[in-house]
N, C-alpha and C. Protein backbone atom coordinates (compact mmCIF):
# COMPACT_ATOMS: atom_id res chain seq x y z
N MET A 1 108.21 108.37 56.79
CA MET A 1 107.19 107.94 57.93
C MET A 1 106.28 107.00 57.77
N PRO A 2 105.82 105.92 58.28
CA PRO A 2 105.00 104.77 58.01
C PRO A 2 103.57 105.20 57.93
N THR A 3 103.35 104.77 56.49
CA THR A 3 101.37 104.67 56.37
C THR A 3 100.70 103.97 57.15
N VAL A 4 100.88 102.85 57.86
CA VAL A 4 100.82 102.19 58.63
C VAL A 4 101.46 101.44 59.78
N VAL A 5 100.63 101.63 61.14
CA VAL A 5 101.30 101.37 62.43
C VAL A 5 100.77 99.57 62.75
N ARG A 6 100.95 99.22 63.97
CA ARG A 6 100.48 98.05 64.35
C ARG A 6 99.40 98.50 65.55
N CYS A 7 98.51 98.32 65.73
CA CYS A 7 97.76 98.43 67.05
C CYS A 7 98.78 97.71 68.38
N PRO A 8 98.97 98.50 69.46
CA PRO A 8 99.83 97.62 70.00
C PRO A 8 98.87 96.32 70.95
N ILE A 9 97.71 96.60 71.24
CA ILE A 9 96.83 95.55 71.49
C ILE A 9 96.98 94.45 71.08
N CYS A 10 96.18 94.33 69.73
CA CYS A 10 95.43 93.73 68.99
C CYS A 10 96.79 93.31 67.66
N LYS A 11 97.43 94.16 67.38
CA LYS A 11 98.48 93.78 66.32
C LYS A 11 97.97 94.03 64.77
N GLN A 12 96.80 94.46 64.73
CA GLN A 12 96.13 94.75 63.50
C GLN A 12 96.92 96.24 63.07
N GLU A 13 96.62 95.95 61.49
CA GLU A 13 97.34 97.25 60.89
C GLU A 13 96.30 98.49 61.23
N VAL A 14 96.72 100.06 61.57
CA VAL A 14 95.92 100.85 61.60
C VAL A 14 96.63 101.88 60.64
N PRO A 15 95.63 102.61 59.59
CA PRO A 15 96.28 103.60 58.67
C PRO A 15 96.75 104.92 59.54
N PHE A 16 97.86 105.51 59.26
CA PHE A 16 98.51 106.16 60.08
C PHE A 16 97.34 107.72 60.39
N ASP A 17 96.68 107.70 59.37
CA ASP A 17 95.54 108.72 59.74
C ASP A 17 94.14 108.61 60.39
N ASP A 18 94.23 107.13 60.81
CA ASP A 18 93.19 107.09 61.71
C ASP A 18 93.18 107.79 62.35
N PRO A 19 91.54 107.91 62.72
CA PRO A 19 91.43 108.98 64.36
C PRO A 19 91.74 108.17 65.60
N ASN A 20 91.82 106.95 65.48
CA ASN A 20 92.12 106.17 66.64
C ASN A 20 93.49 105.81 66.87
N MET A 21 94.37 105.70 65.75
CA MET A 21 96.13 105.67 65.96
C MET A 21 96.20 106.14 66.93
N PRO A 22 97.20 104.96 67.58
CA PRO A 22 97.75 104.25 67.39
C PRO A 22 96.78 102.61 67.66
N PHE A 23 95.55 103.20 67.93
CA PHE A 23 94.71 102.06 68.61
C PHE A 23 93.71 101.49 67.39
N CYS A 24 93.30 100.32 66.79
CA CYS A 24 92.47 99.84 65.72
C CYS A 24 91.41 100.32 65.71
N SER A 25 91.16 100.54 67.11
CA SER A 25 89.24 100.96 67.91
C SER A 25 88.97 101.52 68.89
N ASP A 26 88.34 101.87 69.72
CA ASP A 26 87.91 102.22 70.66
C ASP A 26 88.11 100.98 71.70
N ARG A 27 87.71 99.67 71.20
CA ARG A 27 87.87 98.80 72.05
C ARG A 27 89.36 98.59 72.73
N CYS A 28 90.12 98.41 71.58
CA CYS A 28 91.56 98.29 71.66
C CYS A 28 92.22 99.50 72.83
N ARG A 29 91.33 100.84 72.63
CA ARG A 29 92.31 101.96 73.45
C ARG A 29 91.74 101.74 74.84
N LEU A 30 89.97 101.29 74.92
CA LEU A 30 89.90 100.94 76.48
C LEU A 30 90.66 99.66 76.92
N ILE A 31 90.77 98.70 76.15
CA ILE A 31 91.95 97.49 76.69
C ILE A 31 93.40 98.23 77.47
N ASP A 32 93.79 99.10 76.47
CA ASP A 32 94.76 99.90 77.22
C ASP A 32 94.70 100.92 78.02
N VAL A 33 93.37 101.59 78.11
CA VAL A 33 93.58 102.48 79.38
C VAL A 33 93.60 101.62 81.18
N GLY A 34 92.56 100.45 80.53
CA GLY A 34 92.14 99.38 81.35
C GLY A 34 93.78 98.99 82.19
N ASN A 35 94.73 98.65 81.10
CA ASN A 35 95.91 97.96 81.51
C ASN A 35 96.81 98.92 82.58
N TRP A 36 96.44 100.52 82.02
CA TRP A 36 97.35 101.53 83.02
C TRP A 36 96.76 101.97 84.19
N ALA A 37 95.49 101.37 84.38
CA ALA A 37 94.43 101.82 85.57
C ALA A 37 94.71 100.52 86.35
N SER A 38 94.96 99.60 85.95
CA SER A 38 95.33 98.33 86.68
C SER A 38 96.50 97.97 86.90
N GLU A 39 97.51 98.88 86.62
CA GLU A 39 99.20 98.59 87.04
C GLU A 39 99.63 97.60 86.07
N LYS A 40 98.71 97.17 85.24
CA LYS A 40 99.53 96.33 84.44
C LYS A 40 101.01 96.88 83.46
N TYR A 41 100.64 98.50 83.33
CA TYR A 41 102.00 99.07 82.92
C TYR A 41 102.71 100.01 84.00
N VAL A 42 103.94 100.66 83.81
CA VAL A 42 104.33 101.15 84.97
C VAL A 42 105.25 102.42 84.31
N ILE A 43 105.51 103.26 84.66
CA ILE A 43 106.97 103.85 84.29
C ILE A 43 107.79 103.58 85.62
N SER A 44 109.01 103.05 85.56
CA SER A 44 110.17 102.87 85.76
C SER A 44 110.36 104.29 86.68
N ARG A 45 111.13 104.14 87.90
CA ARG A 45 111.40 105.74 88.55
C ARG A 45 112.89 105.88 88.09
N PRO A 46 113.33 107.17 87.71
CA PRO A 46 114.32 107.47 87.43
C PRO A 46 115.27 106.88 88.16
N THR A 47 116.83 106.59 87.31
CA THR A 47 118.11 106.24 87.90
C THR A 47 118.68 107.62 88.52
N GLY A 48 119.33 107.13 89.51
CA GLY A 48 120.13 108.18 90.11
C GLY A 48 121.42 108.16 89.26
N GLY A 49 122.17 109.13 89.28
CA GLY A 49 123.27 109.37 88.86
C GLY A 49 124.21 108.34 88.96
N ASN A 50 124.35 108.03 90.58
CA ASN A 50 125.08 106.87 91.36
C ASN A 50 124.76 105.37 90.57
N GLU A 51 123.65 105.23 90.67
CA GLU A 51 123.13 104.02 89.65
C GLU A 51 123.60 103.93 88.34
N LEU A 52 123.33 104.88 87.39
CA LEU A 52 123.91 105.14 85.82
C LEU A 52 125.68 104.64 85.95
N GLU A 53 126.38 105.60 86.81
CA GLU A 53 127.75 105.69 86.84
C GLU A 53 128.16 104.21 87.22
N GLU A 54 127.51 103.76 88.15
CA GLU A 54 127.85 101.62 88.29
C GLU A 54 127.37 101.17 87.59
N ALA A 55 126.45 101.39 86.58
CA ALA A 55 126.02 100.12 85.28
C ALA A 55 126.79 100.77 84.16
N ALA A 56 127.45 101.88 83.80
CA ALA A 56 128.17 102.21 82.81
C ALA A 56 129.52 101.92 83.42
N SER A 57 130.32 101.82 84.71
CA SER A 57 131.42 101.37 84.86
C SER A 57 131.67 99.59 84.47
N GLU A 58 130.26 98.99 84.22
CA GLU A 58 130.04 97.41 84.10
C GLU A 58 129.87 97.22 82.95
N ASP A 59 129.49 98.35 82.19
CA ASP A 59 128.99 98.18 80.47
C ASP A 59 129.76 99.39 80.17
N PRO A 60 131.19 99.16 79.36
CA PRO A 60 131.35 100.38 78.50
C PRO A 60 130.83 100.98 77.25
N ASP A 61 129.55 100.43 77.00
CA ASP A 61 128.94 101.24 75.79
C ASP A 61 127.64 102.05 76.53
N ILE A 62 127.30 102.17 77.69
CA ILE A 62 126.99 102.92 78.67
C ILE A 62 127.26 104.19 78.38
N GLU A 63 126.65 105.28 78.38
CA GLU A 63 126.86 106.73 78.29
C GLU A 63 126.03 107.35 79.19
N THR A 64 126.17 108.73 80.01
CA THR A 64 125.90 109.68 80.80
C THR A 64 125.77 110.36 80.04
N ASP A 65 125.09 111.76 80.84
CA ASP A 65 124.91 112.96 79.69
C ASP A 65 126.05 113.44 79.76
N ASP A 66 127.24 113.57 80.36
CA ASP A 66 128.95 113.57 80.00
C ASP A 66 129.56 112.81 78.98
N GLY A 67 128.86 112.01 78.47
CA GLY A 67 129.89 111.33 77.70
C GLY A 67 130.26 109.77 78.22
N PRO A 68 131.12 109.14 77.90
CA PRO A 68 131.43 107.95 78.16
C PRO A 68 132.08 108.08 79.26
N VAL A 69 131.22 107.15 80.31
CA VAL A 69 131.81 106.83 81.59
C VAL A 69 133.22 106.13 81.61
N GLN A 70 134.57 106.89 82.21
CA GLN A 70 135.94 106.66 82.34
C GLN A 70 136.16 105.39 83.56
């Protein structure tokens, strides 16, 4: 396990046992919250089974829960 991680906002090194981890400071933590609140970050919608199978038929390296798509 790494003993140091990088802050996702400013890329400064943060000790793994820092109470603000993964952020280096409250400022970076608040910037991150603001990014979520302003919808700069989004969680994509789940893909449906058909979309995954279509993508897998085009790319043989993609696997579904049932294994490689034939």
